[in-house]
Protein backbone atom coordinates (compact mmCIF):
# COMPACT_ATOMS: atom_id res chain seq x y z
CA MET A 1 -17.41 25.14 69.28
CA SER A 2 -15.95 22.05 67.64
CA ASP A 3 -12.46 20.90 68.57
CA THR A 4 -11.72 19.71 64.96
CA THR A 5 -11.85 21.30 61.52
CA VAL A 6 -14.97 20.74 59.39
CA HIS A 7 -13.54 18.91 56.38
CA LEU A 8 -10.37 17.12 57.44
CA ALA A 9 -11.16 16.69 61.14
CA LEU A 10 -7.81 18.18 62.12
CA PRO A 11 -7.59 18.86 65.89
CA PHE A 12 -7.56 22.47 67.03
CA ILE A 13 -5.14 23.68 69.71
CA MET A 14 -7.49 24.79 72.45
CA ALA A 15 -6.98 27.68 74.86
CA ALA A 16 -4.93 26.80 77.93
CA GLN A 17 -4.29 23.34 76.47
CA ALA A 18 -1.29 21.46 77.87
CA GLN A 19 1.18 19.81 75.49
CA LYS A 20 -0.01 21.82 72.51
CA HIS A 21 2.73 20.27 70.40
CA VAL A 22 1.00 16.88 70.61
CA THR A 23 -2.17 18.28 69.06
CA HIS A 24 -0.21 20.24 66.46
CA ASN A 25 1.91 17.25 65.45
CA GLY A 26 -1.19 15.06 65.23
CA ALA A 27 -2.75 17.50 62.80
CA LEU A 28 0.42 17.49 60.71
CA ARG A 29 0.37 13.69 60.56
CA VAL A 30 -3.20 13.74 59.25
CA LEU A 31 -2.34 16.41 56.68
CA ASP A 32 0.72 14.47 55.56
CA GLY A 33 -1.40 11.36 55.16
CA ILE A 34 -4.26 13.00 53.25
CA VAL A 35 -2.79 15.71 51.01
CA GLN A 36 -1.81 14.40 47.54
CA LEU A 37 -3.26 11.05 48.59
CA SER A 38 -1.63 8.03 46.96
CA VAL A 39 -2.25 4.54 48.33
CA LYS A 40 -0.27 1.35 47.77
CA ASP A 41 -3.30 -0.92 47.35
CA ARG A 42 -7.09 -1.11 47.82
CA ASP A 43 -7.59 -4.89 48.00
CA LEU A 44 -6.15 -5.84 51.41
CA THR A 45 -8.45 -6.77 54.29
CA ALA A 46 -5.60 -7.03 56.84
CA PRO A 47 -2.45 -4.98 57.39
CA PRO A 48 0.68 -6.00 55.47
CA ALA A 49 3.43 -7.67 57.48
CA SER A 50 6.18 -5.07 57.05
CA PRO A 51 4.84 -1.63 56.17
CA ALA A 52 7.20 1.28 55.57
CA GLU A 53 6.82 4.65 57.26
CA GLY A 54 4.16 6.66 55.44
CA ASP A 55 2.58 3.70 53.58
CA ARG A 56 -1.12 4.20 52.93
CA TYR A 57 -3.87 1.75 51.96
CA ILE A 58 -7.57 1.90 51.24
CA VAL A 59 -8.92 -0.86 53.44
CA ALA A 60 -10.97 -3.46 51.55
CA PRO A 61 -14.44 -4.49 52.77
CA SER A 62 -14.69 -7.11 55.53
CA ALA A 63 -11.42 -5.98 57.08
CA THR A 64 -9.87 -7.97 59.95
CA ASN A 65 -7.21 -7.72 62.64
CA LEU A 66 -6.02 -4.17 63.34
CA TRP A 67 -8.11 -2.93 60.42
CA ALA A 68 -11.39 -4.45 61.60
CA GLY A 69 -14.17 -1.90 61.16
CA TRP A 70 -12.03 0.29 58.93
CA ASP A 71 -13.71 -0.77 55.65
CA LEU A 72 -13.04 1.79 52.86
CA ASN A 73 -11.07 4.00 55.26
CA VAL A 74 -7.50 5.09 54.56
CA ALA A 75 -4.96 3.35 56.79
CA LEU A 76 -1.70 5.27 57.33
CA TRP A 77 1.39 3.62 58.92
CA THR A 78 3.17 6.27 60.97
CA ASP A 79 5.35 6.21 64.08
CA GLY A 80 5.00 2.42 64.31
CA THR A 81 1.22 2.28 64.34
CA TRP A 82 -1.77 2.40 62.04
CA LEU A 83 -3.71 5.64 61.87
CA ARG A 84 -7.27 5.54 60.61
CA LEU A 85 -8.31 8.32 58.22
CA PRO A 86 -12.06 8.20 57.46
CA PRO A 87 -12.65 9.57 53.93
CA ARG A 88 -14.96 12.48 53.17
CA THR A 89 -17.02 13.02 50.01
CA GLY A 90 -14.81 14.22 47.16
CA TRP A 91 -11.51 12.77 48.40
CA ARG A 92 -9.34 11.57 45.54
CA ALA A 93 -6.74 8.82 45.77
CA TRP A 94 -4.25 7.38 43.29
CA VAL A 95 -3.97 3.57 43.51
CA GLU A 96 -0.33 2.84 42.75
CA ASP A 97 -0.50 -0.88 41.90
CA GLU A 98 -3.39 -0.39 39.43
CA GLY A 99 -2.65 3.04 37.99
CA LEU A 100 -6.19 4.21 38.78
CA LEU A 101 -7.58 7.45 40.15
CA LEU A 102 -10.45 6.98 42.64
CA VAL A 103 -12.93 9.45 44.14
CA TYR A 104 -14.98 8.86 47.29
CA ASP A 105 -18.68 9.64 46.73
CA GLY A 106 -19.69 9.46 50.39
CA SER A 107 -20.19 5.71 50.49
CA VAL A 108 -17.81 3.99 48.04
CA TRP A 109 -14.63 4.67 46.10
CA ILE A 110 -15.40 5.18 42.40
CA VAL A 111 -12.91 4.65 39.57
CA THR A 112 -12.51 7.89 37.60
CA THR A 113 -9.84 6.57 35.22
CA PRO A 114 -11.92 5.65 32.11
CA VAL A 115 -12.38 1.94 31.49
CA GLU A 116 -15.07 2.61 28.87
CA LEU A 117 -15.34 5.48 26.41
CA GLN A 118 -18.88 5.74 25.12
CA ASN A 119 -20.70 8.26 22.89
CA MET A 120 -17.81 10.71 22.82
CA VAL A 121 -18.19 13.61 20.40
CA LEU A 122 -14.46 14.25 19.90
CA LEU A 123 -11.32 12.29 20.75
CA GLY A 124 -7.81 13.57 20.04
CA LEU A 125 -4.77 11.40 20.75
CA GLY A 126 -1.62 13.50 20.70
CA THR A 127 -3.42 16.14 18.65
CA THR A 128 -6.69 18.08 18.53
CA ALA A 129 -9.82 16.53 17.08
CA ASP A 130 -12.36 18.69 15.25
CA ALA A 131 -15.73 18.38 13.53
CA ALA A 132 -14.13 17.23 10.25
CA ASN A 133 -11.97 14.66 12.04
CA PRO A 134 -13.75 13.78 15.29
CA PHE A 135 -11.19 11.09 15.99
CA SER A 136 -7.60 12.27 15.45
CA ALA A 137 -4.31 10.66 16.43
CA LYS A 138 -0.75 11.87 16.07
CA LEU A 139 1.72 9.01 16.58
CA ASN A 140 4.47 7.01 14.94
CA ALA A 141 3.09 3.49 15.26
CA ALA A 142 -0.18 1.75 16.05
CA LEU A 143 -0.92 -1.88 16.88
CA TRP A 144 -4.12 -3.91 16.69
CA THR A 145 -3.75 -7.45 17.98
CA ALA A 146 -6.27 -10.21 18.52
CA ARG A 147 -7.48 -11.13 21.98
CA THR A 148 -6.24 -14.67 22.41
CA VAL A 149 -8.30 -17.73 23.31
CA ALA A 150 -6.41 -17.93 26.64
CA GLU A 151 -7.58 -14.39 27.40
CA GLY A 152 -11.20 -15.27 26.69
CA GLY A 153 -11.16 -14.09 23.07
CA SER A 154 -11.45 -15.95 19.78
CA GLY A 155 -7.91 -15.36 18.53
CA ASP A 156 -9.36 -13.60 15.46
CA LEU A 157 -9.18 -9.92 14.58
CA PHE A 158 -11.60 -8.08 12.30
CA TYR A 159 -11.51 -4.36 11.52
CA THR A 160 -14.93 -3.45 10.17
CA MET A 161 -15.75 -0.36 8.13
CA ASN A 162 -19.29 0.26 6.90
CA LYS A 163 -20.90 2.74 4.53
CA GLU A 164 -24.56 3.67 4.25
CA ALA A 165 -25.23 2.63 0.65
CA ALA A 166 -23.47 1.36 -2.48
CA GLY A 167 -23.28 4.84 -3.98
CA ARG A 168 -21.34 6.23 -1.00
CA ASP A 169 -17.57 6.10 -0.42
CA LEU A 170 -15.65 3.88 1.96
CA GLY A 171 -11.90 3.58 2.08
CA LEU A 172 -8.46 4.64 3.14
CA THR A 173 -6.96 7.93 2.03
CA LEU A 174 -3.15 7.87 1.88
CA GLN A 175 -1.49 11.26 1.85
CA THR A 176 1.90 12.96 1.71
CA GLY A 177 1.97 16.44 3.21
CA TYR A 178 -1.84 16.23 3.40
CA VAL A 179 -2.07 15.77 -0.38
CA THR A 180 -3.88 12.54 -1.30
CA LYS A 181 -1.64 10.16 -3.24
CA ALA A 182 -3.71 6.96 -3.09
CA LEU A 183 -7.22 5.73 -2.39
CA VAL A 184 -8.04 2.16 -1.39
CA GLY A 185 -11.60 0.99 -0.89
CA LEU A 186 -15.13 1.20 -2.30
CA PHE A 187 -15.71 4.53 -4.00
CA GLY A 188 -19.10 5.28 -5.55
CA THR A 189 -19.80 1.56 -6.02
CA ASP A 190 -19.21 -1.72 -4.19
CA LYS A 191 -16.30 -2.61 -6.46
CA PHE A 192 -12.92 -2.67 -4.75
CA ARG A 193 -10.70 0.05 -6.15
CA LEU A 194 -7.10 1.16 -5.82
CA ALA A 195 -6.39 4.55 -7.34
CA VAL A 196 -3.35 6.83 -7.31
CA SER A 197 -2.76 10.54 -7.89
CA VAL A 198 0.05 13.04 -8.21
CA ASP A 199 -1.86 16.15 -7.18
CA GLY A 200 -4.76 14.82 -5.09
CA SER A 201 -7.36 15.82 -7.68
CA THR A 202 -6.80 13.62 -10.76
CA PHE A 203 -6.84 9.90 -9.98
CA PHE A 204 -5.84 6.84 -12.02
CA ASP A 205 -7.33 3.43 -11.29
CA GLY A 206 -4.58 0.86 -10.94
CA LEU A 207 -6.82 -2.00 -9.83
CA ILE A 208 -10.56 -2.69 -9.82
CA VAL A 209 -12.14 -5.91 -8.53
CA ASP A 210 -15.78 -6.50 -9.46
CA ASN A 211 -17.59 -7.53 -6.27
CA ALA A 212 -20.23 -9.39 -8.28
CA THR A 213 -17.82 -11.60 -10.23
CA GLY A 214 -14.39 -11.33 -8.60
CA ILE A 215 -12.93 -10.39 -11.99
CA VAL A 216 -9.85 -8.20 -11.68
CA ASP A 217 -9.29 -5.30 -14.06
CA GLN A 218 -6.16 -3.20 -14.43
CA PRO A 219 -7.42 -0.20 -16.40
CA ARG A 220 -3.99 1.44 -16.66
CA LEU A 221 -2.12 -1.69 -17.73
CA PRO A 222 0.04 -0.97 -20.81
CA ARG A 223 -1.29 -3.17 -23.65
CA PHE A 224 -1.81 -2.90 -27.37
CA LYS A 225 -2.80 -4.74 -30.53
CA ALA A 226 -1.59 -3.26 -33.83
CA TYR A 227 -1.39 -4.16 -37.52
CA THR A 228 -0.12 -2.93 -40.88
CA ASN A 229 -2.65 -1.60 -43.38
CA TYR A 230 -0.56 -2.22 -46.50
CA ASP A 231 1.54 -5.01 -47.97
CA ASN A 232 5.15 -4.64 -46.76
CA TYR A 233 7.70 -5.65 -49.38
CA VAL A 234 10.90 -7.19 -47.93
CA ALA A 235 13.96 -8.22 -49.89
CA VAL A 236 15.95 -11.45 -49.52
CA ASP A 237 18.15 -11.70 -46.41
CA THR A 238 17.37 -8.14 -45.32
CA TRP A 239 15.89 -7.77 -41.84
CA THR A 240 13.33 -5.00 -42.17
CA LYS A 241 11.08 -3.32 -39.63
CA ILE A 242 7.48 -4.03 -40.58
CA ALA A 243 5.37 -0.90 -40.71
CA ILE A 244 2.87 -1.73 -37.99
CA ASN A 245 1.04 1.58 -38.35
CA ASN A 246 -2.50 1.09 -37.01
CA THR A 247 -3.91 -0.07 -33.69
CA ASP A 248 -7.04 -1.96 -32.67
CA TYR A 249 -6.42 -0.74 -29.13
CA ASN A 250 -3.54 1.05 -27.49
CA ASP A 251 -3.93 1.47 -23.73
CA GLN A 252 -1.74 4.20 -22.24
CA SER A 253 -0.59 5.02 -25.83
CA ALA A 254 2.25 2.58 -25.34
CA PHE A 255 2.45 1.73 -29.04
CA ASP A 256 4.04 4.38 -31.26
CA ALA A 257 2.27 3.84 -34.59
CA ALA A 258 4.20 6.66 -36.29
CA ASN A 259 7.47 4.83 -35.67
CA ASN A 260 6.04 1.29 -35.80
CA ARG A 261 7.22 0.22 -32.37
CA PHE A 262 6.21 -0.33 -28.76
CA VAL A 263 7.73 2.00 -26.14
CA ALA A 264 7.74 0.71 -22.54
CA PRO A 265 6.13 3.36 -20.27
CA VAL A 266 7.55 1.70 -17.14
CA ALA A 267 10.01 -1.03 -16.29
CA GLY A 268 8.60 -4.53 -15.96
CA THR A 269 8.05 -7.91 -17.56
CA TYR A 270 6.17 -7.88 -20.86
CA LEU A 271 4.62 -10.51 -23.11
CA PHE A 272 4.70 -9.94 -26.88
CA GLY A 273 3.35 -11.79 -29.86
CA ALA A 274 3.07 -11.35 -33.61
CA THR A 275 1.40 -12.89 -36.66
CA LEU A 276 3.08 -12.58 -40.08
CA LEU A 277 1.00 -13.50 -43.14
CA TYR A 278 2.84 -14.41 -46.35
CA LYS A 279 1.99 -12.78 -49.68
CA VAL A 280 3.82 -13.89 -52.81
CA ASN A 281 5.87 -11.58 -55.00
CA ALA A 282 7.38 -13.79 -57.68
CA SER A 283 7.98 -17.18 -56.08
CA THR A 284 6.25 -19.22 -53.37
CA THR A 285 9.57 -20.85 -52.44
CA ALA A 286 10.44 -17.88 -50.20
CA ARG A 287 11.34 -18.83 -46.64
CA MET A 288 9.50 -16.42 -44.34
CA ARG A 289 11.28 -15.30 -41.18
CA GLY A 290 10.33 -13.00 -38.30
CA ARG A 291 11.69 -11.73 -34.99
CA LEU A 292 11.23 -9.12 -32.27
CA VAL A 293 14.02 -6.59 -31.75
CA LEU A 294 14.93 -4.61 -28.63
CA ASN A 295 15.88 -0.95 -29.09
CA GLY A 296 16.26 -1.39 -32.85
CA THR A 297 19.38 -3.58 -32.65
CA ALA A 298 19.23 -6.62 -30.36
CA GLU A 299 17.16 -9.64 -31.27
CA ILE A 300 15.07 -10.74 -28.29
CA ARG A 301 16.03 -14.28 -27.44
CA GLY A 302 13.29 -16.81 -28.21
CA SER A 303 11.39 -14.51 -30.56
CA ARG A 304 12.73 -15.69 -33.95
CA GLY A 305 10.70 -17.99 -36.18
CA GLU A 306 10.92 -19.33 -39.77
CA ILE A 307 8.74 -21.27 -42.18
CA SER A 308 10.46 -23.11 -45.04
CA GLY A 309 9.13 -24.58 -48.26
CA ASP A 310 6.41 -23.65 -50.72
CA HIS A 311 3.74 -21.33 -49.34
CA ILE A 312 0.19 -20.50 -50.21
CA SER A 313 -0.08 -16.78 -50.75
CA GLY A 314 -2.45 -15.13 -48.27
CA ALA A 315 -2.78 -18.32 -46.22
CA THR A 316 0.63 -19.25 -44.80
CA ALA A 317 1.34 -17.57 -41.46
CA LEU A 318 4.14 -17.44 -38.92
CA TRP A 319 3.42 -16.90 -35.20
CA LEU A 320 5.92 -15.46 -32.73
CA GLN A 321 5.65 -15.10 -28.96
CA THR A 322 8.09 -14.30 -26.16
CA MET A 323 8.45 -12.65 -22.78
CA VAL A 324 11.07 -10.04 -21.93
CA ALA A 325 12.08 -7.70 -19.09
CA LEU A 326 12.17 -4.06 -20.19
CA ASP A 327 13.34 -0.80 -18.69
CA ALA A 328 11.28 2.35 -19.08
CA ASN A 329 11.54 3.75 -22.64
CA ASP A 330 12.91 0.52 -24.11
CA THR A 331 11.47 -0.15 -27.57
CA VAL A 332 10.32 -3.37 -29.22
CA GLU A 333 9.64 -3.69 -32.94
CA LEU A 334 8.64 -6.46 -35.34
CA GLN A 335 11.08 -7.33 -38.13
CA GLY A 336 10.84 -9.73 -41.03
CA THR A 337 12.85 -11.04 -43.96
CA PHE A 338 12.86 -13.77 -46.61
CA ARG A 339 15.37 -16.35 -47.73
CA VAL A 340 15.65 -17.79 -51.27
CA ALA A 341 13.08 -15.36 -52.70
CA ASP A 342 11.60 -12.04 -51.72
CA GLY A 343 7.98 -11.42 -50.80
CA TYR A 344 5.43 -9.40 -48.88
CA PHE A 345 4.02 -9.38 -45.37
CA ALA A 346 0.32 -9.01 -46.04
CA ALA A 347 -1.79 -6.02 -45.07
CA ASP A 348 -4.39 -6.23 -42.28
CA HIS A 349 -3.35 -9.73 -41.21
CA THR A 350 0.24 -9.01 -40.18
CA SER A 351 -0.09 -7.90 -36.58
CA PHE A 352 1.85 -7.23 -33.40
CA TRP A 353 0.56 -7.22 -29.79
CA GLY A 354 1.87 -6.91 -26.25
CA VAL A 355 0.92 -6.52 -22.58
CA LYS A 356 2.71 -5.81 -19.30
CA LEU A 357 2.63 -8.83 -16.99
CA GLY A 358 4.21 -7.44 -13.87
C-alpha cells in the first residue's frame, strides 16, 4: 500500500503514526500550492532574493542554487523554505507576468493561450459568428497600426482584399440598422465604384473611376445643356426671361424646360454659362444684353454682359459665364434685353448650360 495519493502525491496518515498533524499539515501545504495553480514567473533559474509567503514559480531549465535539479518543477515558498512540487501530466498553471496559461504534457510546459490562429472555421469577437459571417465582431472601435522598423517591421500597413475574377464583387457594405446605405469597392467590374441607397435595394452611383484610364465619372452629377427652339422677341430696356425650352441633355432632370429655368436639386457650388445669338428686328444698332438671375429677381454678380454697336444678324453672339453657390431648390434663369432698338434672341443657337462643381 502506497503512503501517498496517486495523482498529487499527498501523504497519507498511517495507522499508529505519531505526530499525525505533521503529515496532515504537509498535505494541506501541497494542496494549497497546487490547486488553482498560478505562478509568478517561469524564466528564473535561481530563487528570487525576497520571496513572499505562498509565491510559486515554474523553475527554468538549468536551475542552480537551491533549485538545482528542479527544472520545470513548481517551487513553492512556504514557512521560510522552498518546497518542490513535481508536476504531473495535465497540470495547468497561469503565468502571471506573461498572461499565459500553460499545461504540462509529461515532459514540458506547453502554452495553451493562442499565439497563432490558423484555419479556423468561425471566429466571433463579442458576438456569434455563423456560416454567412464566419468572422463577426461586435465592438465600438478597431485599430490597425503598422509594425514599426524598430520592431522589425517595415513601417508600412496594407489591408488587402481580393476577389476571384473581374465579374465578382469586392467592397465594403455600410449599413444603418442592417439596411445597406452605401457600397464602396469593385462591383461586377474592376472599376472603383461608390454607390448609395435609401432602402438597400435601389442604388445610385455617385462616383465611378475607370481602372483602365483613371477617368472619374460622376453619373448623378446635376448638369444640363438647353436651348430655345424659336426666336425670342425682346423689347427695348425690358429684361425678359428667354424661353429656354428644350434640352440636349438634362442629368437628374435639374433643368425645368416647362418654366425655362434650372432648379438646384441640392446645395452646392455651380458653374453656369450661356450663349445669346442676335437676330435683327428692324435695326442692327440694338445693343444686346444678357444676364443670369437667381430666384427670378436677383442678378447673379459677374453674369451680366453687353455688346454695343452695329451687329450682323445671325452672327453676333454674347457669351456669359459665372459661378455661384446655391441652396437646394434655388432657381437660375437666363434673361436678355436690348438698348437703343429691339430685337430677337435667335432660335437653336441661344443656349444655357450648367453643372454642379462641388
